[in-house]
Amino acid sequence: MKRTSENFVVRLDTQSAEDMIKLQDIRKSVSVMNSMSAQKFRVDVKGRKPFQKGVIRNPITGRVIATGSYGYGGNIIGGLANAQFYDVYIRKVS
């Protein structure tokens, strides 16, 4: 699958201890890069493929609209704790 984002780094499995160590290593590497250079970077972690679907509510009225995996803005319902996979991106901070 071709990715449209040039900032994509890796997809990690949340159930794998080895993958969670990789995520910590990526965060530490970016932190070291930021401390040594004027250009700053940020690690963005996006949750993918939720374990359980959630309820989608209208943000204004609070009424239930539907059940689904992702809410407004493309964020996974239930946060990162509900994700089976993490997509990791490294972005420049302006």
N, C-alpha and C. Protein backbone atom coordinates (compact mmCIF):
# COMPACT_ATOMS: atom_id res chain seq x y z
N MET A 1 0.84 -1.18 0.00
CA MET A 1 0.00 0.00 0.00
C MET A 1 0.88 1.24 0.00
N LYS A 2 0.62 2.16 -0.91
CA LYS A 2 1.38 3.40 -0.99
C LYS A 2 0.83 4.42 0.01
N ARG A 3 1.72 4.96 0.79
CA ARG A 3 1.33 5.98 1.77
C ARG A 3 1.43 7.35 1.13
N THR A 4 0.54 8.23 1.49
CA THR A 4 0.58 9.58 0.95
C THR A 4 1.44 10.51 1.81
N SER A 5 1.68 10.12 3.05
CA SER A 5 2.47 10.96 3.94
C SER A 5 3.94 10.58 3.88
N GLU A 6 4.78 11.58 3.69
CA GLU A 6 6.22 11.35 3.70
C GLU A 6 6.75 11.25 5.13
N ASN A 7 5.92 11.59 6.11
CA ASN A 7 6.33 11.59 7.52
C ASN A 7 6.14 10.24 8.19
N PHE A 8 5.48 9.30 7.51
CA PHE A 8 5.22 7.98 8.10
C PHE A 8 6.54 7.25 8.34
N VAL A 9 6.65 6.62 9.53
CA VAL A 9 7.88 5.90 9.89
C VAL A 9 7.62 4.40 9.94
N VAL A 10 6.65 3.99 10.77
CA VAL A 10 6.45 2.55 10.99
C VAL A 10 5.07 2.29 11.57
N ARG A 11 4.56 1.08 11.36
CA ARG A 11 3.33 0.62 12.03
C ARG A 11 3.76 -0.38 13.10
N LEU A 12 3.26 -0.17 14.33
CA LEU A 12 3.65 -1.01 15.46
C LEU A 12 2.42 -1.72 16.03
N ASP A 13 2.62 -2.94 16.49
CA ASP A 13 1.57 -3.73 17.13
C ASP A 13 1.57 -3.42 18.62
N THR A 14 0.41 -3.05 19.15
CA THR A 14 0.33 -2.65 20.56
C THR A 14 0.50 -3.84 21.51
N GLN A 15 0.29 -5.05 21.02
CA GLN A 15 0.40 -6.24 21.86
C GLN A 15 1.83 -6.78 21.92
N SER A 16 2.75 -6.19 21.15
CA SER A 16 4.13 -6.65 21.09
C SER A 16 5.02 -5.79 21.98
N ALA A 17 5.67 -6.41 22.94
CA ALA A 17 6.58 -5.67 23.84
C ALA A 17 7.75 -5.11 23.04
N GLU A 18 8.22 -5.85 22.06
CA GLU A 18 9.34 -5.39 21.22
C GLU A 18 8.97 -4.12 20.45
N ASP A 19 7.74 -4.07 19.94
CA ASP A 19 7.30 -2.88 19.22
C ASP A 19 7.16 -1.67 20.14
N MET A 20 6.73 -1.89 21.38
CA MET A 20 6.61 -0.78 22.32
C MET A 20 7.99 -0.25 22.70
N ILE A 21 8.99 -1.11 22.74
CA ILE A 21 10.36 -0.67 22.98
C ILE A 21 10.86 0.16 21.80
N LYS A 22 10.48 -0.25 20.57
CA LYS A 22 10.84 0.53 19.38
C LYS A 22 10.25 1.93 19.46
N LEU A 23 9.00 2.03 19.92
CA LEU A 23 8.35 3.34 20.05
C LEU A 23 9.11 4.21 21.06
N GLN A 24 9.51 3.64 22.18
CA GLN A 24 10.30 4.40 23.16
C GLN A 24 11.62 4.86 22.55
N ASP A 25 12.27 3.98 21.77
CA ASP A 25 13.54 4.33 21.13
C ASP A 25 13.35 5.46 20.13
N ILE A 26 12.26 5.43 19.37
CA ILE A 26 11.99 6.50 18.40
C ILE A 26 11.80 7.82 19.13
N ARG A 27 11.04 7.80 20.22
CA ARG A 27 10.80 9.03 21.00
C ARG A 27 12.10 9.57 21.59
N LYS A 28 12.96 8.68 22.10
CA LYS A 28 14.24 9.12 22.67
C LYS A 28 15.14 9.70 21.58
N SER A 29 15.15 9.08 20.39
CA SER A 29 15.98 9.57 19.29
C SER A 29 15.55 10.96 18.85
N VAL A 30 14.25 11.19 18.76
CA VAL A 30 13.76 12.51 18.37
C VAL A 30 14.07 13.53 19.45
N SER A 31 13.99 13.13 20.70
CA SER A 31 14.33 14.03 21.81
C SER A 31 15.79 14.46 21.73
N VAL A 32 16.68 13.51 21.44
CA VAL A 32 18.11 13.82 21.31
C VAL A 32 18.34 14.74 20.12
N MET A 33 17.67 14.45 18.99
CA MET A 33 17.79 15.31 17.80
C MET A 33 17.36 16.73 18.11
N ASN A 34 16.25 16.87 18.86
CA ASN A 34 15.73 18.20 19.19
C ASN A 34 16.68 18.97 20.09
N SER A 35 17.38 18.27 20.97
CA SER A 35 18.29 18.96 21.88
C SER A 35 19.57 19.42 21.18
N MET A 36 19.88 18.82 20.02
CA MET A 36 21.13 19.13 19.34
C MET A 36 20.97 20.02 18.11
N SER A 37 19.73 20.34 17.73
CA SER A 37 19.56 21.13 16.51
C SER A 37 18.51 22.22 16.69
N ALA A 38 18.56 23.20 15.81
CA ALA A 38 17.59 24.29 15.86
C ALA A 38 16.24 23.84 15.30
N GLN A 39 16.25 22.94 14.32
CA GLN A 39 15.01 22.41 13.75
C GLN A 39 14.41 21.39 14.72
N LYS A 40 13.15 21.56 15.05
CA LYS A 40 12.49 20.68 16.02
C LYS A 40 11.55 19.71 15.30
N PHE A 41 11.42 18.51 15.89
CA PHE A 41 10.57 17.47 15.34
C PHE A 41 9.63 16.98 16.42
N ARG A 42 8.54 16.34 15.98
CA ARG A 42 7.54 15.81 16.90
C ARG A 42 7.17 14.40 16.47
N VAL A 43 7.00 13.51 17.43
CA VAL A 43 6.54 12.15 17.16
C VAL A 43 5.03 12.13 17.35
N ASP A 44 4.30 11.80 16.28
CA ASP A 44 2.84 11.66 16.35
C ASP A 44 2.50 10.18 16.27
N VAL A 45 1.69 9.71 17.21
CA VAL A 45 1.24 8.33 17.22
C VAL A 45 -0.27 8.32 16.99
N LYS A 46 -0.69 7.62 15.96
CA LYS A 46 -2.12 7.52 15.63
C LYS A 46 -2.57 6.09 15.82
N GLY A 47 -3.69 5.90 16.51
CA GLY A 47 -4.24 4.58 16.73
C GLY A 47 -4.97 4.09 15.49
N ARG A 48 -4.81 2.80 15.18
CA ARG A 48 -5.47 2.19 14.04
C ARG A 48 -6.11 0.87 14.46
N LYS A 49 -7.18 0.49 13.82
CA LYS A 49 -7.90 -0.77 14.01
C LYS A 49 -8.28 -0.97 15.48
N PRO A 50 -9.39 -0.38 15.91
CA PRO A 50 -9.79 -0.45 17.32
C PRO A 50 -10.24 -1.86 17.72
N PHE A 51 -10.03 -2.19 18.99
CA PHE A 51 -10.50 -3.46 19.53
C PHE A 51 -12.02 -3.48 19.58
N GLN A 52 -12.62 -2.37 20.04
CA GLN A 52 -14.07 -2.28 20.16
C GLN A 52 -14.57 -1.02 19.49
N LYS A 53 -15.71 -1.14 18.81
CA LYS A 53 -16.34 0.05 18.24
C LYS A 53 -16.98 0.84 19.37
N GLY A 54 -17.10 2.13 19.15
CA GLY A 54 -17.68 2.98 20.17
C GLY A 54 -18.88 3.75 19.65
N VAL A 55 -19.44 4.55 20.51
CA VAL A 55 -20.60 5.37 20.17
C VAL A 55 -20.12 6.73 19.68
N ILE A 56 -20.65 7.16 18.55
CA ILE A 56 -20.31 8.48 18.01
C ILE A 56 -21.44 9.43 18.38
N ARG A 57 -21.09 10.51 19.07
CA ARG A 57 -22.09 11.49 19.51
C ARG A 57 -21.89 12.81 18.78
N ASN A 58 -22.98 13.51 18.62
CA ASN A 58 -22.92 14.85 18.08
C ASN A 58 -22.24 15.73 19.13
N PRO A 59 -21.16 16.43 18.75
CA PRO A 59 -20.43 17.21 19.76
C PRO A 59 -21.22 18.37 20.35
N ILE A 60 -22.25 18.80 19.67
CA ILE A 60 -23.04 19.94 20.17
C ILE A 60 -24.21 19.48 21.04
N THR A 61 -24.99 18.53 20.53
CA THR A 61 -26.19 18.10 21.26
C THR A 61 -25.92 16.93 22.20
N GLY A 62 -24.88 16.15 21.91
CA GLY A 62 -24.58 14.99 22.73
C GLY A 62 -25.40 13.76 22.37
N ARG A 63 -26.27 13.88 21.37
CA ARG A 63 -27.10 12.74 20.95
C ARG A 63 -26.27 11.72 20.19
N VAL A 64 -26.63 10.46 20.33
CA VAL A 64 -25.94 9.37 19.65
C VAL A 64 -26.28 9.43 18.15
N ILE A 65 -25.24 9.44 17.32
CA ILE A 65 -25.43 9.47 15.87
C ILE A 65 -25.30 8.06 15.29
N ALA A 66 -24.27 7.32 15.72
CA ALA A 66 -24.00 5.99 15.18
C ALA A 66 -22.98 5.30 16.06
N THR A 67 -22.68 4.06 15.71
CA THR A 67 -21.56 3.37 16.32
C THR A 67 -20.50 3.22 15.25
N GLY A 68 -19.26 3.31 15.65
CA GLY A 68 -18.19 3.22 14.66
C GLY A 68 -16.84 3.14 15.31
N SER A 69 -15.82 3.15 14.48
CA SER A 69 -14.44 3.01 14.94
C SER A 69 -13.75 4.35 15.12
N TYR A 70 -14.14 5.33 14.32
CA TYR A 70 -13.46 6.62 14.33
C TYR A 70 -14.49 7.73 14.51
N GLY A 71 -14.12 8.75 15.27
CA GLY A 71 -15.01 9.87 15.51
C GLY A 71 -14.69 11.03 14.58
N TYR A 72 -15.17 12.20 14.94
CA TYR A 72 -14.91 13.40 14.16
C TYR A 72 -13.41 13.66 14.11
N GLY A 73 -12.90 14.07 12.97
CA GLY A 73 -11.48 14.38 12.82
C GLY A 73 -10.62 13.15 12.58
N GLY A 74 -11.23 11.97 12.50
CA GLY A 74 -10.48 10.76 12.22
C GLY A 74 -9.78 10.14 13.41
N ASN A 75 -10.11 10.60 14.60
CA ASN A 75 -9.49 10.03 15.80
C ASN A 75 -10.20 8.74 16.21
N ILE A 76 -9.43 7.77 16.65
CA ILE A 76 -9.98 6.48 17.05
C ILE A 76 -10.79 6.64 18.33
N ILE A 77 -11.95 6.00 18.38
CA ILE A 77 -12.81 6.07 19.57
C ILE A 77 -12.20 5.21 20.66
N GLY A 78 -12.06 5.75 21.85
CA GLY A 78 -11.45 5.02 22.97
C GLY A 78 -9.98 5.34 23.14
N GLY A 79 -9.45 6.19 22.26
CA GLY A 79 -8.06 6.61 22.39
C GLY A 79 -7.07 5.53 22.01
N LEU A 80 -5.80 5.76 22.30
CA LEU A 80 -4.75 4.82 21.95
C LEU A 80 -4.89 3.49 22.70
N ALA A 81 -5.55 3.49 23.84
CA ALA A 81 -5.73 2.25 24.60
C ALA A 81 -6.63 1.27 23.84
N ASN A 82 -7.45 1.75 22.92
CA ASN A 82 -8.37 0.91 22.16
C ASN A 82 -7.77 0.48 20.81
N ALA A 83 -6.55 0.86 20.51
CA ALA A 83 -5.95 0.59 19.20
C ALA A 83 -5.17 -0.72 19.19
N GLN A 84 -5.31 -1.47 18.09
CA GLN A 84 -4.52 -2.68 17.91
C GLN A 84 -3.15 -2.36 17.31
N PHE A 85 -3.09 -1.27 16.54
CA PHE A 85 -1.84 -0.86 15.90
C PHE A 85 -1.63 0.63 16.09
N TYR A 86 -0.36 1.04 16.10
CA TYR A 86 0.00 2.45 16.12
C TYR A 86 0.71 2.76 14.81
N ASP A 87 0.31 3.83 14.15
CA ASP A 87 1.08 4.38 13.05
C ASP A 87 1.89 5.53 13.61
N VAL A 88 3.20 5.49 13.39
CA VAL A 88 4.11 6.49 13.95
C VAL A 88 4.58 7.42 12.84
N TYR A 89 4.48 8.73 13.08
CA TYR A 89 4.90 9.76 12.15
C TYR A 89 5.89 10.67 12.86
N ILE A 90 6.87 11.18 12.13
CA ILE A 90 7.77 12.20 12.66
C ILE A 90 7.58 13.44 11.79
N ARG A 91 7.13 14.53 12.43
CA ARG A 91 6.81 15.76 11.72
C ARG A 91 7.71 16.91 12.19
N LYS A 92 7.98 17.82 11.28
CA LYS A 92 8.72 19.03 11.65
C LYS A 92 7.76 19.97 12.38
N VAL A 93 8.26 20.62 13.42
CA VAL A 93 7.48 21.61 14.15
C VAL A 93 7.89 22.97 13.62
N SER A 94 6.92 23.74 13.22
CA SER A 94 7.25 25.07 12.65
C SER A 94 7.32 26.13 13.71
